[in-house]
Amino acid sequence: SNALVRTTSGEESEETAEELSDADIADQLVEGFVGWMLRRRLCLLHIVEGEGGSLRLRPRGRPSGVEEVELPLHSSRLVMFRHDELEYAYHPKGKSLAVQAWLLDPPKIVEFRELALPPGVQGTERVH
């Protein structure tokens, strides 16, 4: 996938997301994002520079007997984990720079076909 760069300035700031425009919806931006989220399998997180913090990993669905793991963050650390098996929380402290990328499953092929009759009408003309 394309890489995501995570950076902090060491100061608290509140980020706000931009609203989707009609053009974003027409360009199927949401569908593309959801498709990308569902295809993520292996996550690679490289801490290029950092002043500390932690990365928490926990199994999806919280199976019994499996504990959450907390890894300390420091410069030059590379963490790889199964994104489809684990949830994560990234908590850097101070100034930090990290690069994150994912290995993805191949895209699913979707085929659209036109039905002769609308759904619900199919098969109503049969005699039983």
C-alpha atoms as a PDB file:
ATOM      1  CA  SER A   1       0.000   0.000   0.000  1.00  0.00           C
ATOM      2  CA  ASN A   2       0.977   3.625  -0.048  1.00  0.00           C
ATOM      3  CA  ALA A   3       2.889   4.641   3.062  1.00  0.00           C
ATOM      4  CA  LEU A   4       1.410   6.731   5.848  1.00  0.00           C
ATOM      5  CA  VAL A   5       3.725   9.205   7.579  1.00  0.00           C
ATOM      6  CA  ARG A   6       2.959   9.853  11.258  1.00  0.00           C
ATOM      7  CA  THR A   7       4.532  12.881  12.846  1.00  0.00           C
ATOM      8  CA  THR A   8       4.054  14.941  15.989  1.00  0.00           C
ATOM      9  CA  SER A   9       5.482  18.268  17.012  1.00  0.00           C
ATOM     10  CA  GLY A  10       5.470  17.477  20.714  1.00  0.00           C
ATOM     11  CA  GLU A  11       2.570  19.890  21.260  1.00  0.00           C
ATOM     12  CA  GLU A  12      -1.042  18.885  21.884  1.00  0.00           C
ATOM     13  CA  SER A  13      -3.267  19.747  18.934  1.00  0.00           C
ATOM     14  CA  GLU A  14      -6.758  18.791  17.932  1.00  0.00           C
ATOM     15  CA  GLU A  15      -7.215  17.623  14.350  1.00  0.00           C
ATOM     16  CA  THR A  16     -10.486  17.810  12.498  1.00  0.00           C
ATOM     17  CA  ALA A  17     -11.433  15.739   9.482  1.00  0.00           C
ATOM     18  CA  GLU A  18     -12.641  17.389   6.299  1.00  0.00           C
ATOM     19  CA  GLU A  19     -16.204  16.712   5.204  1.00  0.00           C
ATOM     20  CA  LEU A  20     -16.750  14.591   2.115  1.00  0.00           C
ATOM     21  CA  SER A  21     -17.782  16.505  -0.964  1.00  0.00           C
ATOM     22  CA  ASP A  22     -20.164  15.374  -3.698  1.00  0.00           C
ATOM     23  CA  ALA A  23     -17.110  14.873  -5.917  1.00  0.00           C
ATOM     24  CA  ASP A  24     -15.546  12.557  -3.290  1.00  0.00           C
ATOM     25  CA  ILE A  25     -18.710  10.451  -3.272  1.00  0.00           C
ATOM     26  CA  ALA A  26     -18.891  10.394  -7.091  1.00  0.00           C
ATOM     27  CA  ASP A  27     -15.233   9.302  -7.212  1.00  0.00           C
ATOM     28  CA  GLN A  28     -16.112   6.396  -4.857  1.00  0.00           C
ATOM     29  CA  LEU A  29     -13.613   7.615  -2.258  1.00  0.00           C
ATOM     30  CA  VAL A  30     -15.519   5.937   0.588  1.00  0.00           C
ATOM     31  CA  GLU A  31     -15.797   2.602  -1.244  1.00  0.00           C
ATOM     32  CA  GLY A  32     -12.083   2.676  -2.038  1.00  0.00           C
ATOM     33  CA  PHE A  33     -11.185   3.387   1.589  1.00  0.00           C
ATOM     34  CA  VAL A  34     -13.427   0.611   2.924  1.00  0.00           C
ATOM     35  CA  GLY A  35     -11.969  -1.808   0.355  1.00  0.00           C
ATOM     36  CA  TRP A  36      -8.435  -0.860   1.447  1.00  0.00           C
ATOM     37  CA  MET A  37      -9.347  -1.349   5.120  1.00  0.00           C
ATOM     38  CA  LEU A  38     -10.708  -4.839   4.451  1.00  0.00           C
ATOM     39  CA  ARG A  39      -7.623  -5.893   2.444  1.00  0.00           C
ATOM     40  CA  ARG A  40      -4.960  -4.974   5.066  1.00  0.00           C
ATOM     41  CA  ARG A  41      -3.137  -8.066   6.338  1.00  0.00           C
ATOM     42  CA  LEU A  42       0.400  -7.256   7.510  1.00  0.00           C
ATOM     43  CA  CYS A  43       1.234  -3.879   9.060  1.00  0.00           C
ATOM     44  CA  LEU A  44       4.762  -2.471   9.077  1.00  0.00           C
ATOM     45  CA  LEU A  45       5.454   0.449  11.419  1.00  0.00           C
ATOM     46  CA  HIS A  46       8.958   1.971  11.309  1.00  0.00           C
ATOM     47  CA  ILE A  47       9.776   4.475  14.059  1.00  0.00           C
ATOM     48  CA  VAL A  48      12.298   6.696  12.287  1.00  0.00           C
ATOM     49  CA  GLU A  49      12.756   9.077  15.211  1.00  0.00           C
ATOM     50  CA  GLY A  50      11.014   9.282  18.536  1.00  0.00           C
ATOM     51  CA  GLU A  51      11.192  10.378  22.145  1.00  0.00           C
ATOM     52  CA  GLY A  52       9.277   7.414  23.514  1.00  0.00           C
ATOM     53  CA  GLY A  53       5.735   6.238  23.827  1.00  0.00           C
ATOM     54  CA  SER A  54       4.114   2.881  23.255  1.00  0.00           C
ATOM     55  CA  LEU A  55       2.391   0.649  20.746  1.00  0.00           C
ATOM     56  CA  ARG A  56      -0.381  -1.522  22.183  1.00  0.00           C
ATOM     57  CA  LEU A  57      -1.431  -4.685  20.386  1.00  0.00           C
ATOM     58  CA  ARG A  58      -4.453  -6.756  21.324  1.00  0.00           C
ATOM     59  CA  PRO A  59      -6.222  -9.626  19.582  1.00  0.00           C
ATOM     60  CA  ARG A  60      -9.366  -8.772  17.639  1.00  0.00           C
ATOM     61  CA  GLY A  61     -12.437 -10.121  19.373  1.00  0.00           C
ATOM     62  CA  ARG A  62     -10.557 -10.505  22.676  1.00  0.00           C
ATOM     63  CA  PRO A  63     -10.151 -14.308  22.813  1.00  0.00           C
ATOM     64  CA  SER A  64      -9.793 -15.611  26.349  1.00  0.00           C
ATOM     65  CA  GLY A  65      -6.293 -16.286  27.606  1.00  0.00           C
ATOM     66  CA  VAL A  66      -4.614 -13.874  25.160  1.00  0.00           C
ATOM     67  CA  GLU A  67      -3.308 -10.691  26.743  1.00  0.00           C
ATOM     68  CA  GLU A  68      -2.700  -7.230  25.339  1.00  0.00           C
ATOM     69  CA  VAL A  69       0.971  -6.453  24.632  1.00  0.00           C
ATOM     70  CA  GLU A  70       2.560  -3.023  25.053  1.00  0.00           C
ATOM     71  CA  LEU A  71       5.806  -2.328  23.167  1.00  0.00           C
ATOM     72  CA  PRO A  72       8.001   0.685  23.940  1.00  0.00           C
ATOM     73  CA  LEU A  73       8.651   3.033  21.021  1.00  0.00           C
ATOM     74  CA  HIS A  74      12.152   4.228  20.223  1.00  0.00           C
ATOM     75  CA  SER A  75      14.090   5.407  17.191  1.00  0.00           C
ATOM     76  CA  SER A  76      14.966   2.864  14.491  1.00  0.00           C
ATOM     77  CA  ARG A  77      12.405   0.298  15.675  1.00  0.00           C
ATOM     78  CA  LEU A  78      10.470  -1.690  13.071  1.00  0.00           C
ATOM     79  CA  VAL A  79       7.310  -3.468  14.219  1.00  0.00           C
ATOM     80  CA  MET A  80       5.406  -5.914  12.011  1.00  0.00           C
ATOM     81  CA  PHE A  81       2.115  -7.502  12.991  1.00  0.00           C
ATOM     82  CA  ARG A  82      -0.921  -9.186  11.458  1.00  0.00           C
ATOM     83  CA  HIS A  83      -3.371  -6.339  11.116  1.00  0.00           C
ATOM     84  CA  ASP A  84      -6.238  -8.734  10.388  1.00  0.00           C
ATOM     85  CA  GLU A  85      -5.564 -10.534  13.704  1.00  0.00           C
ATOM     86  CA  LEU A  86      -4.585  -7.622  15.978  1.00  0.00           C
ATOM     87  CA  GLU A  87      -5.945  -4.192  16.852  1.00  0.00           C
ATOM     88  CA  TYR A  88      -3.393  -1.507  17.684  1.00  0.00           C
ATOM     89  CA  ALA A  89      -3.082   1.818  19.454  1.00  0.00           C
ATOM     90  CA  TYR A  90      -0.123   4.081  18.640  1.00  0.00           C
ATOM     91  CA  HIS A  91       0.797   6.507  21.445  1.00  0.00           C
ATOM     92  CA  PRO A  92       4.010   8.461  20.754  1.00  0.00           C
ATOM     93  CA  LYS A  93       5.447  10.876  23.317  1.00  0.00           C
ATOM     94  CA  GLY A  94       7.161  14.092  22.359  1.00  0.00           C
ATOM     95  CA  LYS A  95       8.403  14.620  18.836  1.00  0.00           C
ATOM     96  CA  SER A  96       8.191  11.575  16.600  1.00  0.00           C
ATOM     97  CA  LEU A  97       8.364  10.461  12.991  1.00  0.00           C
ATOM     98  CA  ALA A  98       7.071   7.079  11.871  1.00  0.00           C
ATOM     99  CA  VAL A  99       6.320   5.479   8.510  1.00  0.00           C
ATOM    100  CA  GLN A 100       3.532   2.928   8.299  1.00  0.00           C
ATOM    101  CA  ALA A 101       2.535   0.656   5.403  1.00  0.00           C
ATOM    102  CA  TRP A 102       0.474  -2.475   4.860  1.00  0.00           C
ATOM    103  CA  LEU A 103       0.746  -5.589   2.754  1.00  0.00           C
ATOM    104  CA  LEU A 104      -2.681  -6.176   1.250  1.00  0.00           C
ATOM    105  CA  ASP A 105      -4.738  -9.097   0.027  1.00  0.00           C
ATOM    106  CA  PRO A 106      -5.391  -8.981  -3.719  1.00  0.00           C
ATOM    107  CA  PRO A 107      -8.489  -6.973  -4.620  1.00  0.00           C
ATOM    108  CA  LYS A 108     -11.731  -8.878  -4.932  1.00  0.00           C
ATOM    109  CA  ILE A 109     -13.211  -8.981  -8.410  1.00  0.00           C
ATOM    110  CA  VAL A 110     -16.771  -7.753  -8.441  1.00  0.00           C
ATOM    111  CA  GLU A 111     -18.931  -8.359 -11.483  1.00  0.00           C
ATOM    112  CA  PHE A 112     -22.153  -6.456 -12.034  1.00  0.00           C
ATOM    113  CA  ARG A 113     -24.841  -8.079 -14.177  1.00  0.00           C
ATOM    114  CA  GLU A 114     -28.204  -6.831 -15.286  1.00  0.00           C
ATOM    115  CA  LEU A 115     -31.196  -8.911 -14.217  1.00  0.00           C
ATOM    116  CA  ALA A 116     -34.012  -9.538 -16.687  1.00  0.00           C
ATOM    117  CA  LEU A 117     -36.545  -8.758 -13.944  1.00  0.00           C
ATOM    118  CA  PRO A 118     -36.243  -6.729 -10.723  1.00  0.00           C
ATOM    119  CA  PRO A 119     -35.299  -8.629  -7.541  1.00  0.00           C
ATOM    120  CA  GLY A 120     -38.337 -10.274  -5.933  1.00  0.00           C
ATOM    121  CA  VAL A 121     -40.035 -10.853  -9.276  1.00  0.00           C
ATOM    122  CA  GLN A 122     -37.589 -13.570 -10.338  1.00  0.00           C
ATOM    123  CA  GLY A 123     -39.259 -16.997 -10.422  1.00  0.00           C
ATOM    124  CA  THR A 124     -42.802 -15.845  -9.692  1.00  0.00           C
ATOM    125  CA  GLU A 125     -44.029 -17.030 -13.093  1.00  0.00           C
ATOM    126  CA  ARG A 126     -43.270 -20.707 -12.337  1.00  0.00           C
ATOM    127  CA  VAL A 127     -46.040 -23.201 -11.693  1.00  0.00           C
ATOM    128  CA  HIS A 128     -45.420 -25.590  -8.813  1.00  0.00           C
END
